[in-house]
């Protein structure tokens, strides 16, 4: 009777508030993402950055947007900048209830790795770790990025060891804190001169502690009603075939020519690429000056009059869909649901070898082979990157990067039904024990 009563109470609490039901977590296994209930996870994502500081502090706005994203068919948001000191419980619960996961960037403008004068230091690691500390608490955190488009030309490929050093040290920090193994990876610019060297470099080598756990690419190649071969996607697939960690598109969605058709989604989630690629994130949710938005929050206003607008575009309110773009993407996603493979079947047969580390080429990729990674406090020594045995020379300039508190909105007080249900449940359990 006691166990029956406990089960009934838990069922009642879950029915009142679905947040109490565990959200399956996401992990990287071999070249694929899986949820903790054994299903392959494909990303149907939206870039979500309503304000420059942190879009995950306004619970009511997150609830409105999460409901609209459910209608769209999204299961992931990507957020580029957050305030790790703010309260994110309400927003993360709102997205979890909608079946939506988060990929979040760990860096911010003061702490990002610089392409021309790269360095990696204690201040940066501390800032990255603080973001991880905050978001590892949520089961619907699916992954974190240590950088976004740090390398943008072949000349900046000397920054790659610093990106990989960030992966190494954030992984070590995560494991030292006994956090669950939230996948750690990188979001790359789609630069032909860096393909496929960068993706192979970040996942190569014999030391698993140094390898990225996923790689992603910001791709704007498939515009209007292009094709698998005409867009260059066939080459992306060729480069990624046999890759040893999950790979996905972290930004996509050309805005010209209009309308945005999103026909590339059929390739990514279809037979051409779905066995290799783990989905795509479309840029972006909110309509603003760059004209990529899928929704807006009403007509433009005078930013001098409304403090809730940036460049005249409101940043909160009821989401109104942008036609026909929103409908075009919704229609694409509605027909695309690859079944993938079960974890039990995949893990029993998966045996994937890391790619060979790329060698330097004249006028191209700079890093030669599996060069020793820089340690904290080191900056780029161009001579060192050309040797597989030399290490970058320490300099004082690495300390110039400093983590400043990102200006965010005041943390909201979360006094939602979750707390009340848990309190009631505790009282009822105490009464049962007393009996």
Protein backbone atom coordinates (compact mmCIF):
# COMPACT_ATOMS: atom_id res chain seq x y z
CA UNK A 1 0.00 0.00 0.00
CA UNK A 2 2.85 2.35 0.85
CA UNK A 3 4.51 1.94 -2.58
CA UNK A 4 1.14 2.34 -4.29
CA UNK A 5 0.54 5.60 -2.42
CA UNK A 6 3.99 6.92 -3.37
CA UNK A 7 3.43 6.03 -7.02
CA UNK A 8 0.04 7.72 -6.99
CA UNK A 9 1.47 10.90 -5.49
CA UNK A 10 4.25 11.06 -8.06
CA UNK A 11 1.79 10.44 -10.89
CA UNK A 12 -0.45 13.21 -9.55
CA UNK A 13 2.45 15.65 -9.30
CA UNK A 14 3.59 14.86 -12.83
CA UNK A 15 0.09 15.31 -14.19
CA UNK A 16 -0.17 18.73 -12.52
CA UNK A 17 3.21 19.84 -13.79
CA UNK A 18 4.95 17.90 -16.60
CA UNK A 19 8.31 19.49 -15.67
CA UNK A 20 8.51 16.91 -12.88
CA UNK A 21 8.69 14.18 -15.53
CA UNK A 22 12.32 13.67 -16.46
CA UNK A 23 13.39 15.16 -19.78
CA UNK A 24 15.53 12.68 -21.74
CA UNK A 25 19.07 14.04 -21.93
CA UNK A 26 21.14 14.20 -25.11
CA UNK A 27 24.60 12.68 -25.48
CA UNK A 28 27.08 12.10 -28.30
CA UNK A 29 27.83 8.46 -29.11
CA UNK A 30 30.14 7.87 -32.04
CA UNK A 31 28.95 10.03 -34.91
CA UNK A 32 25.40 10.52 -33.67
CA UNK A 33 23.35 12.16 -30.93
CA UNK A 34 21.07 10.00 -28.81
CA UNK A 35 18.55 10.71 -26.11
CA UNK A 36 18.79 8.84 -22.83
CA UNK A 37 15.82 6.71 -23.84
CA UNK A 38 17.88 5.28 -26.73
CA UNK A 39 16.51 7.24 -29.70
CA UNK A 40 18.68 9.00 -32.27
CA UNK A 41 18.32 12.76 -31.94
CA UNK A 42 17.98 14.97 -35.00
CA UNK A 43 18.16 18.74 -34.62
CA UNK A 44 15.36 20.91 -36.01
CA UNK A 45 16.61 24.15 -34.56
CA UNK A 46 16.13 27.92 -34.52
CA UNK A 47 18.71 30.60 -33.70
CA UNK A 48 17.19 32.47 -30.74
CA UNK A 49 18.77 35.74 -29.57
CA UNK A 50 16.05 38.30 -28.92
CA UNK A 51 18.40 40.66 -27.09
CA UNK A 52 22.18 40.91 -27.10
CA UNK A 53 22.64 39.95 -23.47
CA UNK A 54 20.39 36.98 -22.64
CA UNK A 55 17.01 35.90 -24.10
CA UNK A 56 16.47 33.21 -21.45
CA UNK A 57 15.44 35.34 -18.46
CA UNK A 58 11.89 36.40 -19.40
CA UNK A 59 9.76 33.37 -18.53
CA UNK A 60 6.52 34.69 -20.01
CA UNK A 61 8.22 35.49 -23.33
CA UNK A 62 9.85 32.09 -23.44
CA UNK A 63 6.48 30.42 -22.88
CA UNK A 64 4.96 32.35 -25.79
CA UNK A 65 7.86 31.56 -28.08
CA UNK A 66 8.09 27.91 -27.04
CA UNK A 67 4.42 27.42 -27.91
CA UNK A 68 4.94 28.98 -31.34
CA UNK A 69 8.07 26.89 -31.93
CA UNK A 70 6.06 23.77 -31.18
CA UNK A 71 3.74 24.78 -33.98
CA UNK A 72 6.72 25.26 -36.28
CA UNK A 73 8.12 21.83 -35.45
CA UNK A 74 11.34 22.95 -33.76
CA UNK A 75 13.06 20.87 -31.08
CA UNK A 76 16.21 22.99 -30.51
CA UNK A 77 17.16 26.61 -29.93
CA UNK A 78 20.65 28.02 -30.29
CA UNK A 79 21.54 30.94 -28.01
CA UNK A 80 24.77 32.87 -28.63
CA UNK A 81 25.05 35.06 -25.51
CA UNK A 82 23.80 34.51 -21.97
CA UNK A 83 24.31 35.97 -18.53
CA UNK A 84 25.35 33.01 -16.36
CA UNK A 85 24.42 34.88 -13.16
CA UNK A 86 20.77 35.26 -14.19
CA UNK A 87 17.86 32.97 -13.35
CA UNK A 88 17.08 30.70 -16.32
CA UNK A 89 14.81 28.18 -14.60
CA UNK A 90 11.53 29.54 -15.96
CA UNK A 91 12.68 29.71 -19.57
CA UNK A 92 14.45 26.37 -19.53
CA UNK A 93 11.32 24.76 -18.06
CA UNK A 94 9.14 26.43 -20.68
CA UNK A 95 11.26 25.05 -23.50
CA UNK A 96 11.55 21.63 -21.84
CA UNK A 97 7.77 21.40 -21.60
CA UNK A 98 7.64 22.10 -25.34
CA UNK A 99 10.19 19.36 -26.08
CA UNK A 100 12.84 21.93 -27.02
CA UNK A 101 16.55 21.59 -26.20
CA UNK A 102 19.31 24.20 -25.96
CA UNK A 103 22.68 24.52 -27.65
CA UNK A 104 24.45 27.47 -26.01
CA UNK A 105 27.69 29.30 -26.78
CA UNK A 106 30.07 29.51 -23.82
CA UNK A 107 31.94 32.59 -25.02
CA UNK A 108 30.94 36.23 -25.13
CA UNK A 109 32.44 39.24 -26.87
CA UNK A 110 35.13 39.86 -24.19
CA UNK A 111 36.07 36.17 -23.87
CA UNK A 112 35.89 34.82 -27.41
CA UNK A 113 39.06 33.44 -29.00
CA UNK A 114 40.40 36.01 -31.46
CA UNK A 115 41.27 34.81 -34.97
CA UNK A 116 44.28 37.05 -35.66
CA UNK A 117 45.82 37.13 -32.17
CA UNK A 118 44.52 33.93 -30.59
CA UNK A 119 45.12 33.14 -26.95
CA UNK A 120 43.62 30.92 -24.28
CA UNK A 121 43.86 31.87 -20.62
CA UNK A 122 42.45 31.34 -17.13
CA UNK A 123 40.03 34.25 -17.48
CA UNK A 124 38.47 32.75 -20.57
CA UNK A 125 38.28 29.26 -19.06
CA UNK A 126 36.67 30.66 -15.92
CA UNK A 127 34.05 32.50 -17.97
CA UNK A 128 33.31 29.43 -20.10
CA UNK A 129 33.07 27.26 -16.97
CA UNK A 130 30.63 29.66 -15.31
CA UNK A 131 28.23 29.32 -18.24
CA UNK A 132 28.59 25.54 -18.11
CA UNK A 133 27.95 25.59 -14.34
CA UNK A 134 24.64 27.31 -14.95
CA UNK A 135 23.29 25.32 -17.87
CA UNK A 136 24.44 21.83 -16.87
CA UNK A 137 21.62 21.97 -14.32
CA UNK A 138 19.02 21.57 -17.04
CA UNK A 139 18.27 18.24 -18.68
CA UNK A 140 17.34 19.99 -21.93
CA UNK A 141 20.80 21.46 -22.40
CA UNK A 142 21.91 19.41 -25.42
CA UNK A 143 25.35 20.86 -26.12
CA UNK A 144 27.74 23.79 -25.78
CA UNK A 145 29.97 25.62 -28.25
CA UNK A 146 33.48 26.81 -27.34
CA UNK A 147 33.48 29.18 -30.32
CA UNK A 148 31.59 30.47 -33.31
CA UNK A 149 33.39 31.26 -36.58
CA UNK A 150 36.74 31.96 -34.93
CA UNK A 151 38.52 30.93 -38.12
CA UNK A 152 37.27 32.78 -41.19
CA UNK A 153 40.21 32.45 -43.62
CA UNK A 154 43.09 30.06 -44.21
CA UNK A 155 45.37 32.72 -42.73
CA UNK A 156 43.58 32.45 -39.40
CA UNK A 157 43.91 28.66 -39.17
CA UNK A 158 46.68 29.17 -36.61
CA UNK A 159 43.86 29.81 -34.13
CA UNK A 160 42.65 26.21 -34.42
CA UNK A 161 44.91 24.85 -31.63
CA UNK A 162 43.42 27.44 -29.25
CA UNK A 163 39.90 26.32 -30.10
CA UNK A 164 40.96 22.73 -29.48
CA UNK A 165 42.65 23.72 -26.21
CA UNK A 166 39.35 25.26 -25.13
CA UNK A 167 37.60 21.96 -25.91
CA UNK A 168 40.24 20.08 -23.90
CA UNK A 169 40.00 22.29 -20.84
CA UNK A 170 36.21 22.62 -20.77
CA UNK A 171 35.92 18.82 -21.08
CA UNK A 172 38.37 18.42 -18.20
CA UNK A 173 36.42 20.90 -16.10
CA UNK A 174 33.11 19.20 -16.87
CA UNK A 175 34.47 15.81 -15.89
CA UNK A 176 36.19 17.13 -12.75
CA UNK A 177 32.81 18.42 -11.55
CA UNK A 178 31.12 15.09 -12.34
CA UNK A 179 28.62 16.82 -14.60
CA UNK A 180 26.84 14.68 -17.15
CA UNK A 181 28.74 14.53 -20.42
CA UNK A 182 27.03 17.41 -22.19
CA UNK A 183 28.55 17.40 -25.70
CA UNK A 184 31.21 20.08 -26.28
CA UNK A 185 31.97 21.27 -29.80
CA UNK A 186 32.48 24.12 -32.22
CA UNK A 187 30.49 26.10 -34.81
CA UNK A 188 32.54 26.87 -37.93
CA UNK A 189 32.23 29.37 -40.75
CA UNK A 190 31.73 27.69 -44.11
CA UNK A 191 35.08 28.59 -45.68
CA UNK A 192 36.17 26.43 -48.65
CA UNK A 193 39.83 26.99 -47.77
CA UNK A 194 39.26 25.41 -44.36
CA UNK A 195 37.25 22.42 -45.55
CA UNK A 196 37.65 19.69 -44.44
CA UNK A 197 40.86 20.46 -42.54
CA UNK A 198 39.25 22.23 -39.59
CA UNK A 199 36.57 19.61 -38.95
CA UNK A 200 39.17 16.85 -39.16
CA UNK A 201 41.67 18.71 -36.98
CA UNK A 202 39.21 19.25 -34.13
CA UNK A 203 38.35 15.54 -33.98
CA UNK A 204 41.72 13.95 -34.84
CA UNK A 205 44.44 12.50 -32.62
CA UNK A 206 44.86 9.60 -30.24
CA UNK A 207 43.95 11.58 -27.11
CA UNK A 208 40.20 11.53 -26.62
CA UNK A 209 40.50 14.22 -23.93
CA UNK A 210 41.50 16.73 -26.62
CA UNK A 211 38.97 15.89 -29.33
CA UNK A 212 35.77 17.83 -29.93
CA UNK A 213 32.58 15.89 -29.28
CA UNK A 214 30.72 17.42 -32.21
CA UNK A 215 31.39 19.74 -35.13
CA UNK A 216 28.95 22.09 -36.82
CA UNK A 217 28.97 24.39 -39.81
CA UNK A 218 27.22 27.68 -40.60
CA UNK A 219 26.15 27.05 -44.19
CA UNK A 220 24.52 29.51 -46.59
CA UNK A 221 25.08 27.63 -49.85
CA UNK A 222 21.62 26.36 -50.75
CA UNK A 223 19.70 29.47 -51.83
CA UNK A 224 16.19 29.53 -53.27
CA UNK A 225 15.27 26.28 -55.01
CA UNK A 226 18.80 24.96 -55.53
CA UNK A 227 19.78 21.30 -55.56
CA UNK A 228 21.92 18.79 -53.71
CA UNK A 229 24.68 18.94 -56.31
CA UNK A 230 24.26 22.56 -57.41
CA UNK A 231 24.40 23.93 -53.88
CA UNK A 232 27.60 22.19 -52.83
CA UNK A 233 25.83 20.03 -50.24
CA UNK A 234 27.06 16.93 -52.04
CA UNK A 235 30.62 18.05 -51.26
CA UNK A 236 29.72 18.69 -47.61
CA UNK A 237 28.39 15.14 -47.42
CA UNK A 238 31.51 13.75 -49.08
CA UNK A 239 33.73 15.56 -46.55
CA UNK A 240 31.66 14.32 -43.60
CA UNK A 241 31.16 10.68 -44.61
CA UNK A 242 32.80 8.46 -42.00
CA UNK A 243 33.31 11.36 -39.58
CA UNK A 244 33.83 10.17 -36.02
CA UNK A 245 31.64 12.64 -34.06
CA UNK A 246 28.21 14.15 -34.73
CA UNK A 247 28.16 16.87 -37.38
CA UNK A 248 25.28 19.25 -38.11
CA UNK A 249 24.42 22.58 -39.70
CA UNK A 250 24.52 25.26 -36.98
CA UNK A 251 23.15 28.04 -39.20
CA UNK A 252 21.33 27.91 -42.53
CA UNK A 253 18.65 29.77 -44.46
CA UNK A 254 19.60 32.11 -47.30
CA UNK A 255 17.45 35.24 -47.37
CA UNK A 256 17.96 36.00 -51.06
CA UNK A 257 16.34 35.40 -53.44
CA UNK A 258 12.91 35.56 -51.87
CA UNK A 259 10.92 33.72 -50.78
CA UNK A 260 12.93 31.53 -48.43
CA UNK A 261 11.99 27.99 -49.42
CA UNK A 262 14.19 25.92 -47.06
CA UNK A 263 14.34 23.08 -49.58
CA UNK A 264 17.80 22.19 -48.24
CA UNK A 265 16.05 20.60 -45.26
CA UNK A 266 14.88 17.73 -47.46
CA UNK A 267 18.50 16.94 -48.27
CA UNK A 268 19.74 17.23 -44.67
CA UNK A 269 16.95 15.04 -43.25
CA UNK A 270 16.59 12.83 -46.31
CA UNK A 271 18.48 9.83 -47.72
CA UNK A 272 21.35 11.94 -49.08
CA UNK A 273 22.60 13.18 -45.70
CA UNK A 274 20.55 11.90 -42.73
CA UNK A 275 22.85 8.97 -42.06
CA UNK A 276 25.79 11.37 -41.63
CA UNK A 277 24.33 14.70 -40.51
CA UNK A 278 22.38 15.27 -37.29
CA UNK A 279 20.11 18.06 -38.49
CA UNK A 280 20.13 21.82 -38.87
CA UNK A 281 19.53 25.12 -37.07
CA UNK A 282 17.77 27.80 -39.12
CA UNK A 283 18.74 31.44 -38.74
CA UNK A 284 16.76 33.08 -37.08
CA UNK A 285 13.67 33.45 -34.89
CA UNK A 286 13.15 37.20 -34.58
CA UNK A 287 12.79 39.65 -37.45
CA UNK A 288 15.32 42.46 -37.24
CA UNK A 289 17.40 44.65 -39.53
CA UNK A 290 19.17 41.70 -41.17
CA UNK A 291 15.79 40.41 -42.44
CA UNK A 292 16.23 36.73 -41.50
CA UNK A 293 13.33 36.54 -39.03
CA UNK A 294 10.61 33.90 -38.99
CA UNK A 295 8.43 35.91 -36.59
CA UNK A 296 8.04 39.47 -35.37
CA UNK A 297 6.50 40.99 -32.26
CA UNK A 298 4.42 43.60 -34.02
CA UNK A 299 5.04 46.63 -36.22
CA UNK A 300 8.21 48.67 -36.00
CA UNK A 301 8.34 51.43 -33.42
CA UNK A 302 10.49 54.44 -32.65
CA UNK A 303 13.41 53.04 -30.57
CA UNK A 304 13.67 56.43 -28.82
CA UNK A 305 10.14 55.96 -27.52
CA UNK A 306 10.12 52.22 -26.82
CA UNK A 307 12.93 50.80 -24.70
CA UNK A 308 11.83 47.32 -25.79
CA UNK A 309 12.97 47.88 -29.36
CA UNK A 310 16.38 47.72 -31.00
CA UNK A 311 16.65 49.53 -34.31
CA UNK A 312 12.87 49.80 -34.25
CA UNK A 313 12.13 46.06 -33.93
CA UNK A 314 10.19 45.05 -30.79
CA UNK A 315 11.91 42.34 -28.76
CA UNK A 316 8.95 40.88 -26.91
CA UNK A 317 5.25 40.24 -27.23
CA UNK A 318 3.06 37.76 -29.06
CA UNK A 319 4.99 36.18 -31.96
CA UNK A 320 3.45 36.89 -35.37
CA UNK A 321 4.66 34.67 -38.19
CA UNK A 322 6.48 36.15 -41.19
CA UNK A 323 4.81 34.94 -44.37
CA UNK A 324 5.59 32.90 -46.38
CA UNK A 325 8.93 32.03 -44.75
CA UNK A 326 7.53 30.58 -41.52
CA UNK A 327 4.99 28.47 -43.39
CA UNK A 328 7.59 27.24 -45.87
CA UNK A 329 9.86 25.98 -43.11
CA UNK A 330 6.95 24.44 -41.19
CA UNK A 331 5.85 22.58 -44.30
CA UNK A 332 9.35 21.24 -44.91
CA UNK A 333 9.84 20.00 -41.35
CA UNK A 334 6.38 18.43 -41.19
CA UNK A 335 7.35 15.92 -43.87
CA UNK A 336 10.86 15.15 -42.59
CA UNK A 337 11.22 12.73 -39.69
CA UNK A 338 14.15 10.36 -40.19
CA UNK A 339 13.88 7.35 -37.92
CA UNK A 340 17.62 6.98 -37.47
CA UNK A 341 18.98 4.07 -35.49
CA UNK A 342 18.40 2.85 -31.95
CA UNK A 343 21.28 3.32 -29.52
CA UNK A 344 21.25 -0.37 -28.63
CA UNK A 345 21.78 -1.35 -32.27
CA UNK A 346 24.27 1.40 -33.01
CA UNK A 347 26.57 1.10 -29.99
CA UNK A 348 26.91 -2.63 -30.54
CA UNK A 349 28.32 -2.15 -34.03
CA UNK A 350 29.84 1.35 -34.14
CA UNK A 351 33.60 1.46 -34.60
CA UNK A 352 34.74 4.82 -35.96
CA UNK A 353 38.36 5.84 -36.33
CA UNK A 354 39.30 9.50 -35.89
CA UNK A 355 40.42 11.18 -39.13
CA UNK A 356 44.08 11.81 -39.84
CA UNK A 357 45.26 15.19 -38.61
CA UNK A 358 45.69 17.55 -41.60
CA UNK A 359 49.16 18.67 -42.62
CA UNK A 360 50.09 22.24 -43.41
CA UNK A 361 50.06 23.42 -47.01
CA UNK A 362 51.82 26.44 -48.55
CA UNK A 363 49.46 29.41 -48.50
CA UNK A 364 46.69 27.34 -46.91
CA UNK A 365 46.11 25.39 -43.70
CA UNK A 366 48.82 26.37 -41.20
CA UNK A 367 48.76 23.74 -38.44
CA UNK A 368 50.92 20.74 -39.25
CA UNK A 369 49.62 17.42 -38.01
CA UNK A 370 48.75 16.82 -34.39
CA UNK A 371 50.65 19.83 -33.01
CA UNK A 372 50.91 20.01 -29.23
CA UNK A 373 48.12 22.18 -27.90
CA UNK A 374 48.80 25.45 -26.09
CA UNK A 375 48.38 25.56 -22.35
CA UNK A 376 46.61 28.28 -20.43
CA UNK A 377 48.22 31.69 -20.86
CA UNK A 378 49.78 31.01 -24.26
CA UNK A 379 49.30 32.96 -27.47
CA UNK A 380 50.05 32.17 -31.09
CA UNK A 381 53.61 31.47 -32.17
CA UNK A 382 53.36 30.99 -35.92
CA UNK A 383 56.58 28.97 -35.99
CA UNK A 384 55.20 26.53 -33.45
CA UNK A 385 52.08 25.75 -35.44
CA UNK A 386 54.23 24.56 -38.33
CA UNK A 387 55.76 21.82 -36.19
CA UNK A 388 54.12 18.75 -34.79
CA UNK A 389 56.42 18.83 -31.77
CA UNK A 390 56.88 22.49 -30.90
CA UNK A 391 54.51 24.27 -28.53
CA UNK A 392 53.34 27.88 -28.79
CA UNK A 393 55.53 30.30 -26.87
CA UNK A 394 53.95 31.82 -23.73
CA UNK A 395 53.49 35.57 -23.82
CA UNK A 396 51.85 38.07 -21.53
CA UNK A 397 49.36 39.22 -24.10
CA UNK A 398 47.04 36.32 -23.46
CA UNK A 399 45.99 37.94 -20.21
CA UNK A 400 44.42 40.83 -22.10
CA UNK A 401 41.15 38.95 -22.52
CA UNK A 402 38.91 39.64 -19.59
CA UNK A 403 35.52 38.37 -18.63
CA UNK A 404 33.12 41.16 -17.80
CA UNK A 405 29.67 40.57 -16.48
CA UNK A 406 27.33 40.57 -19.42
CA UNK A 407 24.56 43.05 -18.87
CA UNK A 408 21.37 41.13 -18.55
CA UNK A 409 17.89 41.70 -17.30
CA UNK A 410 17.24 41.31 -13.61
CA UNK A 411 16.76 37.66 -12.70
CA UNK A 412 13.10 36.83 -12.37
CA UNK A 413 11.66 35.26 -9.23
CA UNK A 414 10.43 31.83 -10.20
CA UNK A 415 7.45 31.08 -8.00
CA UNK A 416 5.68 28.85 -10.51
CA UNK A 417 3.55 25.78 -9.86
CA UNK A 418 6.69 23.58 -9.68
CA UNK A 419 7.60 24.83 -6.22
CA UNK A 420 4.07 24.51 -4.91
CA UNK A 421 3.72 20.96 -6.22
CA UNK A 422 7.03 19.88 -4.75
CA UNK A 423 6.11 21.42 -1.40
CA UNK A 424 2.73 19.72 -1.37
CA UNK A 425 4.32 16.44 -2.37
CA UNK A 426 6.83 16.66 0.49
CA UNK A 427 4.04 17.30 3.02
CA UNK A 428 2.00 14.38 1.71
CA UNK A 429 5.00 12.06 1.78
CA UNK A 430 5.70 13.10 5.37
CA UNK A 431 2.15 12.28 6.30
CA UNK A 432 2.45 8.85 4.69
CA UNK A 433 5.63 8.12 6.64
CA UNK A 434 3.91 9.27 9.88
CA UNK A 435 1.12 6.80 9.22
